[in-house]
Amino acid sequence: MTNYADIAVVGSVQNVQNLVQAAFAAHKFRVGWASATKGKAEKGSRGANLALGALAQYYAVDFEIYPGGQGATLRLFQANSGWAGGAIGAHRVRKQFDELYGLLTTWFRSQGVLAGAKIDKT
């Protein structure tokens, strides 16, 4: 199971916040900020997923921005297991986390601010 993924980005924390908001919005995620550096991005409906299982996908990613040196690191955490949708739902959630990591990495690279990226698969 994937525990987290890190995406290092060049720029100020405020710039990284704006980029994170834009990146998730570009991939149709709703973003809620718990603080200036922590939040959750969601896609789909949790209620429908609980009621309909694998037929109605819900996906959430917790994230945190860690300031450092010339920029910041965006750390993504898989926020839900997908088990409400059974084994199929759990597999989809794991696969979607990997895909989201790839999409965000590509998005930051296309913006010219990607400094590095790694995914933890333990």
N, C-alpha and C. Protein backbone atom coordinates (compact mmCIF):
# COMPACT_ATOMS: atom_id res chain seq x y z
N MET A 1 0.84 -1.18 0.00
CA MET A 1 0.00 0.00 0.00
C MET A 1 0.88 1.24 0.00
N THR A 2 0.50 2.24 -0.72
CA THR A 2 1.22 3.50 -0.79
C THR A 2 0.94 4.30 0.46
N ASN A 3 1.97 4.73 1.12
CA ASN A 3 1.80 5.57 2.31
C ASN A 3 1.75 7.05 1.95
N TYR A 4 2.68 7.48 1.12
CA TYR A 4 2.71 8.89 0.75
C TYR A 4 3.53 9.08 -0.53
N ALA A 5 3.42 10.28 -1.07
CA ALA A 5 4.24 10.67 -2.22
C ALA A 5 4.68 12.11 -1.99
N ASP A 6 5.92 12.41 -2.35
CA ASP A 6 6.46 13.76 -2.21
C ASP A 6 6.74 14.35 -3.59
N ILE A 7 6.35 15.62 -3.74
CA ILE A 7 6.65 16.36 -4.97
C ILE A 7 7.32 17.66 -4.54
N ALA A 8 8.61 17.80 -4.85
CA ALA A 8 9.37 19.00 -4.51
C ALA A 8 9.16 20.05 -5.59
N VAL A 9 8.84 21.26 -5.15
CA VAL A 9 8.49 22.35 -6.07
C VAL A 9 9.33 23.58 -5.74
N VAL A 10 9.81 24.26 -6.76
CA VAL A 10 10.57 25.49 -6.60
C VAL A 10 9.60 26.66 -6.48
N GLY A 11 9.85 27.54 -5.51
CA GLY A 11 9.03 28.73 -5.34
C GLY A 11 8.66 28.94 -3.89
N SER A 12 8.05 30.09 -3.62
CA SER A 12 7.63 30.41 -2.26
C SER A 12 6.47 29.50 -1.84
N VAL A 13 6.24 29.40 -0.54
CA VAL A 13 5.14 28.59 -0.04
C VAL A 13 3.81 29.10 -0.61
N GLN A 14 3.66 30.42 -0.66
CA GLN A 14 2.42 30.98 -1.21
C GLN A 14 2.25 30.60 -2.68
N ASN A 15 3.33 30.63 -3.44
CA ASN A 15 3.27 30.22 -4.84
C ASN A 15 2.92 28.74 -4.94
N VAL A 16 3.50 27.90 -4.08
CA VAL A 16 3.20 26.47 -4.08
C VAL A 16 1.73 26.24 -3.72
N GLN A 17 1.20 27.01 -2.77
CA GLN A 17 -0.22 26.90 -2.42
C GLN A 17 -1.10 27.17 -3.64
N ASN A 18 -0.79 28.22 -4.36
CA ASN A 18 -1.56 28.56 -5.56
C ASN A 18 -1.43 27.48 -6.62
N LEU A 19 -0.21 26.95 -6.79
CA LEU A 19 0.00 25.88 -7.76
C LEU A 19 -0.75 24.61 -7.38
N VAL A 20 -0.76 24.27 -6.07
CA VAL A 20 -1.48 23.09 -5.59
C VAL A 20 -2.97 23.25 -5.88
N GLN A 21 -3.52 24.41 -5.55
CA GLN A 21 -4.94 24.67 -5.80
C GLN A 21 -5.25 24.51 -7.29
N ALA A 22 -4.43 25.09 -8.14
CA ALA A 22 -4.65 25.02 -9.59
C ALA A 22 -4.48 23.60 -10.12
N ALA A 23 -3.48 22.89 -9.61
CA ALA A 23 -3.23 21.52 -10.08
C ALA A 23 -4.40 20.60 -9.76
N PHE A 24 -4.90 20.66 -8.52
CA PHE A 24 -6.04 19.81 -8.17
C PHE A 24 -7.29 20.22 -8.94
N ALA A 25 -7.52 21.52 -9.07
CA ALA A 25 -8.69 21.99 -9.82
C ALA A 25 -8.64 21.53 -11.28
N ALA A 26 -7.44 21.54 -11.86
CA ALA A 26 -7.28 21.09 -13.24
C ALA A 26 -7.65 19.62 -13.42
N HIS A 27 -7.57 18.86 -12.32
CA HIS A 27 -7.92 17.44 -12.37
C HIS A 27 -9.26 17.16 -11.69
N LYS A 28 -10.07 18.23 -11.57
CA LYS A 28 -11.46 18.16 -11.09
C LYS A 28 -11.61 17.70 -9.64
N PHE A 29 -10.67 18.08 -8.80
CA PHE A 29 -10.75 17.82 -7.36
C PHE A 29 -11.24 19.08 -6.66
N ARG A 30 -12.05 18.91 -5.64
CA ARG A 30 -12.44 19.99 -4.74
C ARG A 30 -11.37 20.06 -3.66
N VAL A 31 -10.93 21.27 -3.33
CA VAL A 31 -9.87 21.43 -2.34
C VAL A 31 -10.40 22.18 -1.13
N GLY A 32 -10.16 21.62 0.04
CA GLY A 32 -10.48 22.29 1.30
C GLY A 32 -9.20 22.46 2.09
N TRP A 33 -8.96 23.67 2.56
CA TRP A 33 -7.74 23.97 3.31
C TRP A 33 -8.05 23.96 4.80
N ALA A 34 -7.36 23.14 5.57
CA ALA A 34 -7.50 23.10 7.03
C ALA A 34 -6.62 24.18 7.66
N SER A 35 -5.53 24.52 6.99
CA SER A 35 -4.62 25.59 7.42
C SER A 35 -3.91 26.08 6.16
N ALA A 36 -2.95 26.96 6.33
CA ALA A 36 -2.23 27.51 5.18
C ALA A 36 -1.40 26.45 4.45
N THR A 37 -1.05 25.36 5.15
CA THR A 37 -0.19 24.35 4.53
C THR A 37 -0.78 22.94 4.54
N LYS A 38 -2.01 22.78 5.01
CA LYS A 38 -2.63 21.45 5.06
C LYS A 38 -4.02 21.50 4.44
N GLY A 39 -4.37 20.41 3.77
CA GLY A 39 -5.69 20.36 3.19
C GLY A 39 -6.06 18.98 2.71
N LYS A 40 -7.22 18.93 2.06
CA LYS A 40 -7.74 17.68 1.50
C LYS A 40 -8.33 17.99 0.14
N ALA A 41 -8.02 17.12 -0.82
CA ALA A 41 -8.59 17.22 -2.16
C ALA A 41 -9.51 16.02 -2.34
N GLU A 42 -10.75 16.27 -2.82
CA GLU A 42 -11.73 15.20 -2.95
C GLU A 42 -12.37 15.21 -4.33
N LYS A 43 -12.77 14.03 -4.74
CA LYS A 43 -13.42 13.85 -6.02
C LYS A 43 -14.49 12.77 -5.83
N GLY A 44 -15.68 13.01 -6.33
CA GLY A 44 -16.75 12.03 -6.19
C GLY A 44 -17.55 12.27 -4.92
N SER A 45 -18.40 11.31 -4.60
CA SER A 45 -19.29 11.43 -3.46
C SER A 45 -19.08 10.29 -2.47
N ARG A 46 -18.78 10.65 -1.23
CA ARG A 46 -18.58 9.64 -0.19
C ARG A 46 -19.88 8.90 0.09
N GLY A 47 -20.99 9.62 0.16
CA GLY A 47 -22.28 9.00 0.43
C GLY A 47 -22.68 8.01 -0.64
N ALA A 48 -22.51 8.41 -1.90
CA ALA A 48 -22.85 7.51 -3.00
C ALA A 48 -21.94 6.29 -2.99
N ASN A 49 -20.68 6.48 -2.65
CA ASN A 49 -19.75 5.35 -2.59
C ASN A 49 -20.16 4.36 -1.51
N LEU A 50 -20.59 4.87 -0.36
CA LEU A 50 -21.04 3.99 0.71
C LEU A 50 -22.32 3.25 0.31
N ALA A 51 -23.20 3.94 -0.41
CA ALA A 51 -24.47 3.34 -0.79
C ALA A 51 -24.34 2.39 -1.98
N LEU A 52 -23.51 2.75 -2.94
CA LEU A 52 -23.43 2.00 -4.19
C LEU A 52 -22.14 1.21 -4.37
N GLY A 53 -21.22 1.34 -3.43
CA GLY A 53 -19.97 0.59 -3.52
C GLY A 53 -19.14 1.01 -4.70
N ALA A 54 -18.60 0.04 -5.42
CA ALA A 54 -17.68 0.30 -6.52
C ALA A 54 -18.33 1.03 -7.68
N LEU A 55 -19.67 1.09 -7.72
CA LEU A 55 -20.34 1.79 -8.81
C LEU A 55 -20.21 3.31 -8.71
N ALA A 56 -19.99 3.82 -7.51
CA ALA A 56 -19.86 5.26 -7.31
C ALA A 56 -18.54 5.54 -6.59
N GLN A 57 -17.57 6.01 -7.31
CA GLN A 57 -16.23 6.20 -6.76
C GLN A 57 -16.14 7.48 -5.95
N TYR A 58 -15.49 7.39 -4.82
CA TYR A 58 -15.12 8.55 -4.01
C TYR A 58 -13.61 8.44 -3.80
N TYR A 59 -12.93 9.56 -3.94
CA TYR A 59 -11.49 9.54 -3.78
C TYR A 59 -11.05 10.80 -3.05
N ALA A 60 -10.20 10.64 -2.05
CA ALA A 60 -9.69 11.78 -1.29
C ALA A 60 -8.19 11.64 -1.09
N VAL A 61 -7.52 12.77 -1.10
CA VAL A 61 -6.08 12.83 -0.86
C VAL A 61 -5.84 13.94 0.16
N ASP A 62 -5.21 13.59 1.27
CA ASP A 62 -4.75 14.61 2.21
C ASP A 62 -3.40 15.11 1.71
N PHE A 63 -3.11 16.37 1.96
CA PHE A 63 -1.82 16.89 1.53
C PHE A 63 -1.30 17.90 2.54
N GLU A 64 0.01 18.06 2.51
CA GLU A 64 0.67 19.04 3.36
C GLU A 64 1.84 19.62 2.59
N ILE A 65 2.08 20.90 2.78
CA ILE A 65 3.18 21.60 2.14
C ILE A 65 4.24 21.88 3.20
N TYR A 66 5.47 21.39 2.96
CA TYR A 66 6.59 21.58 3.87
C TYR A 66 7.56 22.58 3.25
N PRO A 67 7.73 23.76 3.85
CA PRO A 67 8.68 24.73 3.30
C PRO A 67 10.12 24.23 3.44
N GLY A 68 10.97 24.67 2.54
CA GLY A 68 12.38 24.32 2.62
C GLY A 68 13.18 25.07 1.57
N GLY A 69 14.43 25.22 1.78
CA GLY A 69 15.40 25.80 0.85
C GLY A 69 14.83 26.74 -0.21
N GLN A 70 14.88 26.31 -1.44
CA GLN A 70 14.46 27.11 -2.58
C GLN A 70 12.98 26.95 -2.93
N GLY A 71 12.25 26.17 -2.14
CA GLY A 71 10.85 25.95 -2.46
C GLY A 71 10.14 25.22 -1.34
N ALA A 72 9.37 24.23 -1.72
CA ALA A 72 8.60 23.47 -0.74
C ALA A 72 8.35 22.07 -1.29
N THR A 73 7.95 21.18 -0.39
CA THR A 73 7.59 19.82 -0.78
C THR A 73 6.11 19.62 -0.53
N LEU A 74 5.41 19.16 -1.53
CA LEU A 74 4.01 18.79 -1.41
C LEU A 74 3.97 17.30 -1.10
N ARG A 75 3.44 16.95 0.07
CA ARG A 75 3.33 15.53 0.44
C ARG A 75 1.87 15.13 0.33
N LEU A 76 1.63 14.09 -0.46
CA LEU A 76 0.28 13.55 -0.65
C LEU A 76 0.13 12.29 0.19
N PHE A 77 -1.01 12.18 0.87
CA PHE A 77 -1.34 10.99 1.65
C PHE A 77 -2.64 10.40 1.11
N GLN A 78 -2.68 9.12 0.92
CA GLN A 78 -3.92 8.47 0.50
C GLN A 78 -4.91 8.57 1.67
N ALA A 79 -6.02 9.30 1.49
CA ALA A 79 -6.93 9.60 2.59
C ALA A 79 -7.99 8.53 2.83
N ASN A 80 -8.29 7.74 1.84
CA ASN A 80 -9.27 6.68 2.05
C ASN A 80 -8.76 5.40 1.42
N SER A 81 -9.21 4.27 1.95
CA SER A 81 -8.71 2.98 1.47
C SER A 81 -9.49 2.46 0.28
N GLY A 82 -10.73 2.90 0.15
CA GLY A 82 -11.57 2.40 -0.94
C GLY A 82 -12.32 1.13 -0.60
N TRP A 83 -12.10 0.60 0.61
CA TRP A 83 -12.73 -0.67 0.98
C TRP A 83 -14.25 -0.58 1.07
N ALA A 84 -14.82 0.63 1.14
CA ALA A 84 -16.28 0.76 1.11
C ALA A 84 -16.82 0.22 -0.22
N GLY A 85 -15.98 0.23 -1.24
CA GLY A 85 -16.35 -0.30 -2.54
C GLY A 85 -15.84 -1.72 -2.75
N GLY A 86 -15.45 -2.39 -1.66
CA GLY A 86 -14.94 -3.76 -1.75
C GLY A 86 -13.52 -3.79 -2.30
N ALA A 87 -13.10 -4.99 -2.69
CA ALA A 87 -11.75 -5.17 -3.22
C ALA A 87 -11.54 -4.36 -4.50
N ILE A 88 -12.58 -4.27 -5.31
CA ILE A 88 -12.47 -3.49 -6.55
C ILE A 88 -12.25 -2.02 -6.21
N GLY A 89 -13.01 -1.50 -5.24
CA GLY A 89 -12.86 -0.11 -4.83
C GLY A 89 -11.49 0.17 -4.27
N ALA A 90 -10.98 -0.75 -3.44
CA ALA A 90 -9.64 -0.57 -2.85
C ALA A 90 -8.57 -0.54 -3.94
N HIS A 91 -8.69 -1.42 -4.91
CA HIS A 91 -7.73 -1.46 -6.02
C HIS A 91 -7.79 -0.16 -6.81
N ARG A 92 -9.01 0.32 -7.07
CA ARG A 92 -9.16 1.57 -7.83
C ARG A 92 -8.52 2.74 -7.10
N VAL A 93 -8.71 2.81 -5.78
CA VAL A 93 -8.16 3.91 -5.00
C VAL A 93 -6.63 3.88 -5.04
N ARG A 94 -6.03 2.70 -4.86
CA ARG A 94 -4.57 2.60 -4.95
C ARG A 94 -4.07 3.01 -6.33
N LYS A 95 -4.76 2.55 -7.34
CA LYS A 95 -4.37 2.88 -8.71
C LYS A 95 -4.54 4.37 -8.97
N GLN A 96 -5.63 4.95 -8.47
CA GLN A 96 -5.86 6.37 -8.70
C GLN A 96 -4.83 7.23 -7.97
N PHE A 97 -4.38 6.79 -6.78
CA PHE A 97 -3.33 7.55 -6.08
C PHE A 97 -2.06 7.58 -6.93
N ASP A 98 -1.68 6.45 -7.47
CA ASP A 98 -0.49 6.39 -8.33
C ASP A 98 -0.66 7.27 -9.56
N GLU A 99 -1.86 7.24 -10.15
CA GLU A 99 -2.12 8.06 -11.34
C GLU A 99 -2.10 9.54 -11.00
N LEU A 100 -2.69 9.91 -9.85
CA LEU A 100 -2.70 11.30 -9.44
C LEU A 100 -1.28 11.81 -9.21
N TYR A 101 -0.46 10.99 -8.57
CA TYR A 101 0.95 11.34 -8.37
C TYR A 101 1.61 11.62 -9.73
N GLY A 102 1.38 10.77 -10.69
CA GLY A 102 1.94 10.97 -12.02
C GLY A 102 1.41 12.22 -12.69
N LEU A 103 0.11 12.46 -12.59
CA LEU A 103 -0.49 13.65 -13.19
C LEU A 103 0.04 14.93 -12.57
N LEU A 104 0.12 14.96 -11.24
CA LEU A 104 0.62 16.16 -10.58
C LEU A 104 2.10 16.39 -10.88
N THR A 105 2.87 15.33 -10.89
CA THR A 105 4.29 15.46 -11.23
C THR A 105 4.45 16.03 -12.63
N THR A 106 3.69 15.51 -13.57
CA THR A 106 3.73 16.01 -14.95
C THR A 106 3.26 17.46 -15.01
N TRP A 107 2.20 17.78 -14.26
CA TRP A 107 1.67 19.14 -14.25
C TRP A 107 2.71 20.13 -13.74
N PHE A 108 3.35 19.81 -12.60
CA PHE A 108 4.38 20.71 -12.05
C PHE A 108 5.57 20.81 -13.00
N ARG A 109 5.93 19.71 -13.65
CA ARG A 109 7.03 19.76 -14.63
C ARG A 109 6.67 20.71 -15.77
N SER A 110 5.43 20.64 -16.25
CA SER A 110 5.01 21.49 -17.36
C SER A 110 4.98 22.97 -16.95
N GLN A 111 4.82 23.24 -15.66
CA GLN A 111 4.85 24.62 -15.16
C GLN A 111 6.29 25.11 -14.94
N GLY A 112 7.26 24.19 -15.07
CA GLY A 112 8.66 24.55 -14.92
C GLY A 112 9.11 24.71 -13.47
N VAL A 113 8.38 24.10 -12.52
CA VAL A 113 8.72 24.27 -11.11
C VAL A 113 9.04 22.96 -10.39
N LEU A 114 9.02 21.85 -11.09
CA LEU A 114 9.29 20.56 -10.46
C LEU A 114 10.78 20.45 -10.13
N ALA A 115 11.07 20.15 -8.84
CA ALA A 115 12.46 19.98 -8.42
C ALA A 115 12.79 18.52 -8.16
N GLY A 116 11.77 17.68 -7.98
CA GLY A 116 11.98 16.28 -7.73
C GLY A 116 10.69 15.63 -7.25
N ALA A 117 10.65 14.30 -7.31
CA ALA A 117 9.45 13.59 -6.88
C ALA A 117 9.81 12.15 -6.51
N LYS A 118 9.08 11.64 -5.51
CA LYS A 118 9.26 10.24 -5.14
C LYS A 118 7.96 9.74 -4.52
N ILE A 119 7.71 8.45 -4.71
CA ILE A 119 6.52 7.83 -4.13
C ILE A 119 6.97 6.69 -3.23
N ASP A 120 6.36 6.58 -2.06
CA ASP A 120 6.69 5.54 -1.09
C ASP A 120 5.70 4.40 -1.26
N LYS A 121 6.18 3.23 -1.56
CA LYS A 121 5.33 2.05 -1.72
C LYS A 121 5.81 0.98 -0.77
N THR A 122 5.28 1.02 0.44
CA THR A 122 5.66 0.03 1.44
C THR A 122 4.47 -0.80 1.84
